[in-house]
Amino acid sequence: MPEIAVNYWFWLSLGLVLIIVEMIVPGVFFLWFGIGAFLTGIIAFVVKGLALKYLTAIFGVLSVIAVFVGRRFVKKTDEIKTGINDINSKYSGKIVKAKGSFENGMGRVYMGDSVWEAQCSSDVSDRQALKVVSVRDSVLIVEPLDTAEKKDESGK
């Protein structure tokens, strides 16, 4: 069976095409095979005359290695991102002021330049300082600040 001559440009081009496909298609899948093809192209450039069967085997091995190394990298960056879109971690602990008194445990509070619906288990008066405990269905769950917490917030 005749051997097909494949030079390093084929592997570099394949790697580039796979990386471009990765940018178009959602997910992180083609990137690792693109890296494997690109590295195979570099090896084909350095070691001239490798047969297609060896280059294909090198591509397979390098792609599998790229997948495992890449998964470790992606997993670490996913752990760093934890909490970015978590509304509870974003607003919990914030100090807000009541906009009017609460009726039946429900009312509204000022947070920054917006007004939010809020729920509190105790009585709340107008402009009373409250602390956000959690968020449920776009409703802030708040509790009144005690005197010690007010002192900590004012820095006195």
C-alpha atoms as a PDB file:
ATOM      1  CA  MET A   1       0.000   0.000   0.000  1.00  0.00           C
ATOM      2  CA  PRO A   2       1.542   3.335  -0.990  1.00  0.00           C
ATOM      3  CA  GLU A   3       2.336   5.824   1.783  1.00  0.00           C
ATOM      4  CA  ILE A   4       0.596   9.206   1.600  1.00  0.00           C
ATOM      5  CA  ALA A   5       2.980  12.125   2.064  1.00  0.00           C
ATOM      6  CA  VAL A   6       1.632  14.586   4.609  1.00  0.00           C
ATOM      7  CA  ASN A   7       3.847  17.498   5.537  1.00  0.00           C
ATOM      8  CA  TYR A   8       3.762  19.683   8.604  1.00  0.00           C
ATOM      9  CA  TRP A   9       1.521  22.283   6.924  1.00  0.00           C
ATOM     10  CA  PHE A  10      -1.358  19.813   6.947  1.00  0.00           C
ATOM     11  CA  TRP A  11      -1.137  19.378  10.720  1.00  0.00           C
ATOM     12  CA  LEU A  12      -0.687  23.099  11.422  1.00  0.00           C
ATOM     13  CA  SER A  13      -3.659  23.882   9.152  1.00  0.00           C
ATOM     14  CA  LEU A  14      -5.775  21.177  10.802  1.00  0.00           C
ATOM     15  CA  GLY A  15      -4.908  22.597  14.214  1.00  0.00           C
ATOM     16  CA  LEU A  16      -5.875  26.105  13.106  1.00  0.00           C
ATOM     17  CA  VAL A  17      -9.161  24.889  11.582  1.00  0.00           C
ATOM     18  CA  LEU A  18     -10.062  22.975  14.764  1.00  0.00           C
ATOM     19  CA  ILE A  19      -9.307  25.995  16.952  1.00  0.00           C
ATOM     20  CA  ILE A  20     -11.487  28.190  14.694  1.00  0.00           C
ATOM     21  CA  VAL A  21     -14.271  25.595  14.890  1.00  0.00           C
ATOM     22  CA  GLU A  22     -13.918  25.765  18.698  1.00  0.00           C
ATOM     23  CA  MET A  23     -14.631  29.494  18.563  1.00  0.00           C
ATOM     24  CA  ILE A  24     -17.768  28.933  16.484  1.00  0.00           C
ATOM     25  CA  VAL A  25     -19.186  25.855  18.236  1.00  0.00           C
ATOM     26  CA  PRO A  26     -20.091  26.166  21.940  1.00  0.00           C
ATOM     27  CA  GLY A  27     -18.219  24.111  24.505  1.00  0.00           C
ATOM     28  CA  VAL A  28     -14.594  23.190  24.964  1.00  0.00           C
ATOM     29  CA  PHE A  29     -14.040  20.189  22.738  1.00  0.00           C
ATOM     30  CA  PHE A  30     -12.251  20.959  19.462  1.00  0.00           C
ATOM     31  CA  LEU A  31      -9.625  23.087  21.202  1.00  0.00           C
ATOM     32  CA  TRP A  32      -7.751  20.086  22.606  1.00  0.00           C
ATOM     33  CA  PHE A  33      -7.671  18.306  19.233  1.00  0.00           C
ATOM     34  CA  GLY A  34      -6.547  21.548  17.615  1.00  0.00           C
ATOM     35  CA  ILE A  35      -3.684  21.757  20.094  1.00  0.00           C
ATOM     36  CA  GLY A  36      -2.831  18.096  19.385  1.00  0.00           C
ATOM     37  CA  ALA A  37      -2.792  18.743  15.631  1.00  0.00           C
ATOM     38  CA  PHE A  38      -0.723  21.891  16.043  1.00  0.00           C
ATOM     39  CA  LEU A  39       1.872  20.074  18.188  1.00  0.00           C
ATOM     40  CA  THR A  40       1.917  17.225  15.653  1.00  0.00           C
ATOM     41  CA  GLY A  41       2.690  19.813  12.969  1.00  0.00           C
ATOM     42  CA  ILE A  42       5.620  21.089  15.016  1.00  0.00           C
ATOM     43  CA  ILE A  43       6.931  17.533  15.452  1.00  0.00           C
ATOM     44  CA  ALA A  44       6.497  16.891  11.702  1.00  0.00           C
ATOM     45  CA  PHE A  45       8.501  20.050  11.002  1.00  0.00           C
ATOM     46  CA  VAL A  46      11.334  19.059  13.354  1.00  0.00           C
ATOM     47  CA  VAL A  47      11.450  15.348  12.451  1.00  0.00           C
ATOM     48  CA  LYS A  48      11.267  15.189   8.654  1.00  0.00           C
ATOM     49  CA  GLY A  49       9.949  12.126   6.849  1.00  0.00           C
ATOM     50  CA  LEU A  50       7.684  10.616   9.538  1.00  0.00           C
ATOM     51  CA  ALA A  51       5.092   8.307   8.028  1.00  0.00           C
ATOM     52  CA  LEU A  52       1.404   9.188   8.195  1.00  0.00           C
ATOM     53  CA  LYS A  53       0.662   6.292  10.547  1.00  0.00           C
ATOM     54  CA  TYR A  54       3.214   7.626  13.061  1.00  0.00           C
ATOM     55  CA  LEU A  55       1.981  11.188  12.745  1.00  0.00           C
ATOM     56  CA  THR A  56      -1.600  10.008  13.248  1.00  0.00           C
ATOM     57  CA  ALA A  57      -0.565   8.088  16.369  1.00  0.00           C
ATOM     58  CA  ILE A  58       1.323  11.146  17.656  1.00  0.00           C
ATOM     59  CA  PHE A  59      -1.761  13.284  16.975  1.00  0.00           C
ATOM     60  CA  GLY A  60      -3.955  10.844  18.935  1.00  0.00           C
ATOM     61  CA  VAL A  61      -1.610  10.697  21.912  1.00  0.00           C
ATOM     62  CA  LEU A  62      -1.052  14.469  22.027  1.00  0.00           C
ATOM     63  CA  SER A  63      -4.796  15.117  21.733  1.00  0.00           C
ATOM     64  CA  VAL A  64      -5.563  12.799  24.649  1.00  0.00           C
ATOM     65  CA  ILE A  65      -2.834  14.462  26.729  1.00  0.00           C
ATOM     66  CA  ALA A  66      -4.218  17.896  25.777  1.00  0.00           C
ATOM     67  CA  VAL A  67      -7.717  16.802  26.863  1.00  0.00           C
ATOM     68  CA  PHE A  68      -6.523  15.665  30.305  1.00  0.00           C
ATOM     69  CA  VAL A  69      -4.277  18.677  30.886  1.00  0.00           C
ATOM     70  CA  GLY A  70      -6.983  21.009  29.596  1.00  0.00           C
ATOM     71  CA  ARG A  71      -9.662  19.489  31.835  1.00  0.00           C
ATOM     72  CA  ARG A  72      -7.495  20.134  34.865  1.00  0.00           C
ATOM     73  CA  PHE A  73      -6.986  23.747  33.789  1.00  0.00           C
ATOM     74  CA  VAL A  74     -10.686  24.323  33.049  1.00  0.00           C
ATOM     75  CA  LYS A  75     -11.710  22.712  36.341  1.00  0.00           C
ATOM     76  CA  LYS A  76      -9.418  25.072  38.291  1.00  0.00           C
ATOM     77  CA  THR A  77     -10.767  28.160  36.533  1.00  0.00           C
ATOM     78  CA  ASP A  78     -14.347  26.992  37.133  1.00  0.00           C
ATOM     79  CA  GLU A  79     -13.594  26.770  40.861  1.00  0.00           C
ATOM     80  CA  ILE A  80     -12.286  30.347  40.803  1.00  0.00           C
ATOM     81  CA  LYS A  81     -15.482  31.595  39.126  1.00  0.00           C
ATOM     82  CA  THR A  82     -17.746  30.098  41.765  1.00  0.00           C
ATOM     83  CA  GLY A  83     -20.091  32.710  43.167  1.00  0.00           C
ATOM     84  CA  ILE A  84     -19.820  35.245  40.386  1.00  0.00           C
ATOM     85  CA  ASN A  85     -23.457  34.851  39.362  1.00  0.00           C
ATOM     86  CA  ASP A  86     -24.659  33.656  42.751  1.00  0.00           C
ATOM     87  CA  ILE A  87     -27.039  36.363  43.914  1.00  0.00           C
ATOM     88  CA  ASN A  88     -26.946  35.112  47.529  1.00  0.00           C
ATOM     89  CA  SER A  89     -23.184  35.540  47.827  1.00  0.00           C
ATOM     90  CA  LYS A  90     -23.371  38.888  46.039  1.00  0.00           C
ATOM     91  CA  TYR A  91     -25.941  40.494  48.350  1.00  0.00           C
ATOM     92  CA  SER A  92     -25.687  38.571  51.630  1.00  0.00           C
ATOM     93  CA  GLY A  93     -24.290  40.756  54.385  1.00  0.00           C
ATOM     94  CA  LYS A  94     -25.125  44.043  52.634  1.00  0.00           C
ATOM     95  CA  ILE A  95     -26.666  46.790  54.739  1.00  0.00           C
ATOM     96  CA  VAL A  96     -29.888  48.282  53.371  1.00  0.00           C
ATOM     97  CA  LYS A  97     -32.442  50.840  54.597  1.00  0.00           C
ATOM     98  CA  ALA A  98     -36.179  50.280  54.793  1.00  0.00           C
ATOM     99  CA  LYS A  99     -38.369  52.336  52.482  1.00  0.00           C
ATOM    100  CA  GLY A 100     -41.370  52.713  54.753  1.00  0.00           C
ATOM    101  CA  SER A 101     -42.520  50.290  57.417  1.00  0.00           C
ATOM    102  CA  PHE A 102     -43.122  46.632  56.657  1.00  0.00           C
ATOM    103  CA  GLU A 103     -46.650  45.196  56.636  1.00  0.00           C
ATOM    104  CA  ASN A 104     -47.163  41.479  57.334  1.00  0.00           C
ATOM    105  CA  GLY A 105     -43.397  40.966  57.140  1.00  0.00           C
ATOM    106  CA  MET A 106     -43.129  42.403  53.611  1.00  0.00           C
ATOM    107  CA  GLY A 107     -41.816  45.765  52.504  1.00  0.00           C
ATOM    108  CA  ARG A 108     -39.309  47.544  50.306  1.00  0.00           C
ATOM    109  CA  VAL A 109     -35.687  48.521  50.909  1.00  0.00           C
ATOM    110  CA  TYR A 110     -33.138  50.807  49.292  1.00  0.00           C
ATOM    111  CA  MET A 111     -30.043  49.044  48.003  1.00  0.00           C
ATOM    112  CA  GLY A 112     -27.717  51.423  46.239  1.00  0.00           C
ATOM    113  CA  ASP A 113     -29.770  53.322  43.693  1.00  0.00           C
ATOM    114  CA  SER A 114     -32.568  50.756  43.431  1.00  0.00           C
ATOM    115  CA  VAL A 115     -35.514  49.586  45.499  1.00  0.00           C
ATOM    116  CA  TRP A 116     -36.029  45.894  46.265  1.00  0.00           C
ATOM    117  CA  GLU A 117     -38.858  43.863  47.730  1.00  0.00           C
ATOM    118  CA  ALA A 118     -37.868  42.549  51.136  1.00  0.00           C
ATOM    119  CA  GLN A 119     -39.123  40.175  53.783  1.00  0.00           C
ATOM    120  CA  CYS A 120     -38.401  40.342  57.513  1.00  0.00           C
ATOM    121  CA  SER A 121     -39.705  38.251  60.403  1.00  0.00           C
ATOM    122  CA  SER A 122     -39.746  41.194  62.833  1.00  0.00           C
ATOM    123  CA  ASP A 123     -41.236  44.696  62.796  1.00  0.00           C
ATOM    124  CA  VAL A 124     -39.416  47.205  60.602  1.00  0.00           C
ATOM    125  CA  SER A 125     -39.850  50.975  60.703  1.00  0.00           C
ATOM    126  CA  ASP A 126     -39.161  53.560  57.989  1.00  0.00           C
ATOM    127  CA  ARG A 127     -35.423  54.124  57.226  1.00  0.00           C
ATOM    128  CA  GLN A 128     -34.391  51.352  59.656  1.00  0.00           C
ATOM    129  CA  ALA A 129     -31.023  49.769  58.855  1.00  0.00           C
ATOM    130  CA  LEU A 130     -31.302  46.109  57.884  1.00  0.00           C
ATOM    131  CA  LYS A 131     -28.862  43.379  56.945  1.00  0.00           C
ATOM    132  CA  VAL A 132     -29.475  41.092  53.946  1.00  0.00           C
ATOM    133  CA  VAL A 133     -29.415  37.460  55.049  1.00  0.00           C
ATOM    134  CA  SER A 134     -30.292  35.810  51.723  1.00  0.00           C
ATOM    135  CA  VAL A 135     -32.240  36.239  48.504  1.00  0.00           C
ATOM    136  CA  ARG A 136     -35.258  34.177  47.475  1.00  0.00           C
ATOM    137  CA  ASP A 137     -37.025  34.715  44.137  1.00  0.00           C
ATOM    138  CA  SER A 138     -35.744  38.319  43.811  1.00  0.00           C
ATOM    139  CA  VAL A 139     -36.921  39.125  47.345  1.00  0.00           C
ATOM    140  CA  LEU A 140     -34.290  40.099  49.897  1.00  0.00           C
ATOM    141  CA  ILE A 141     -34.573  38.294  53.212  1.00  0.00           C
ATOM    142  CA  VAL A 142     -33.454  40.839  55.810  1.00  0.00           C
ATOM    143  CA  GLU A 143     -33.048  41.149  59.550  1.00  0.00           C
ATOM    144  CA  PRO A 144     -32.713  44.270  61.702  1.00  0.00           C
ATOM    145  CA  LEU A 145     -29.241  45.337  62.740  1.00  0.00           C
ATOM    146  CA  ASP A 146     -28.638  45.296  66.470  1.00  0.00           C
ATOM    147  CA  THR A 147     -26.787  48.121  68.219  1.00  0.00           C
ATOM    148  CA  ALA A 148     -23.400  46.373  68.074  1.00  0.00           C
ATOM    149  CA  GLU A 149     -23.620  45.882  64.316  1.00  0.00           C
ATOM    150  CA  LYS A 150     -24.590  49.535  63.845  1.00  0.00           C
ATOM    151  CA  LYS A 151     -21.441  50.564  65.740  1.00  0.00           C
ATOM    152  CA  ASP A 152     -19.297  48.285  63.559  1.00  0.00           C
ATOM    153  CA  GLU A 153     -20.766  49.808  60.408  1.00  0.00           C
ATOM    154  CA  SER A 154     -20.228  53.407  61.541  1.00  0.00           C
ATOM    155  CA  GLY A 155     -16.672  52.665  62.665  1.00  0.00           C
ATOM    156  CA  LYS A 156     -17.179  54.077  66.176  1.00  0.00           C
END
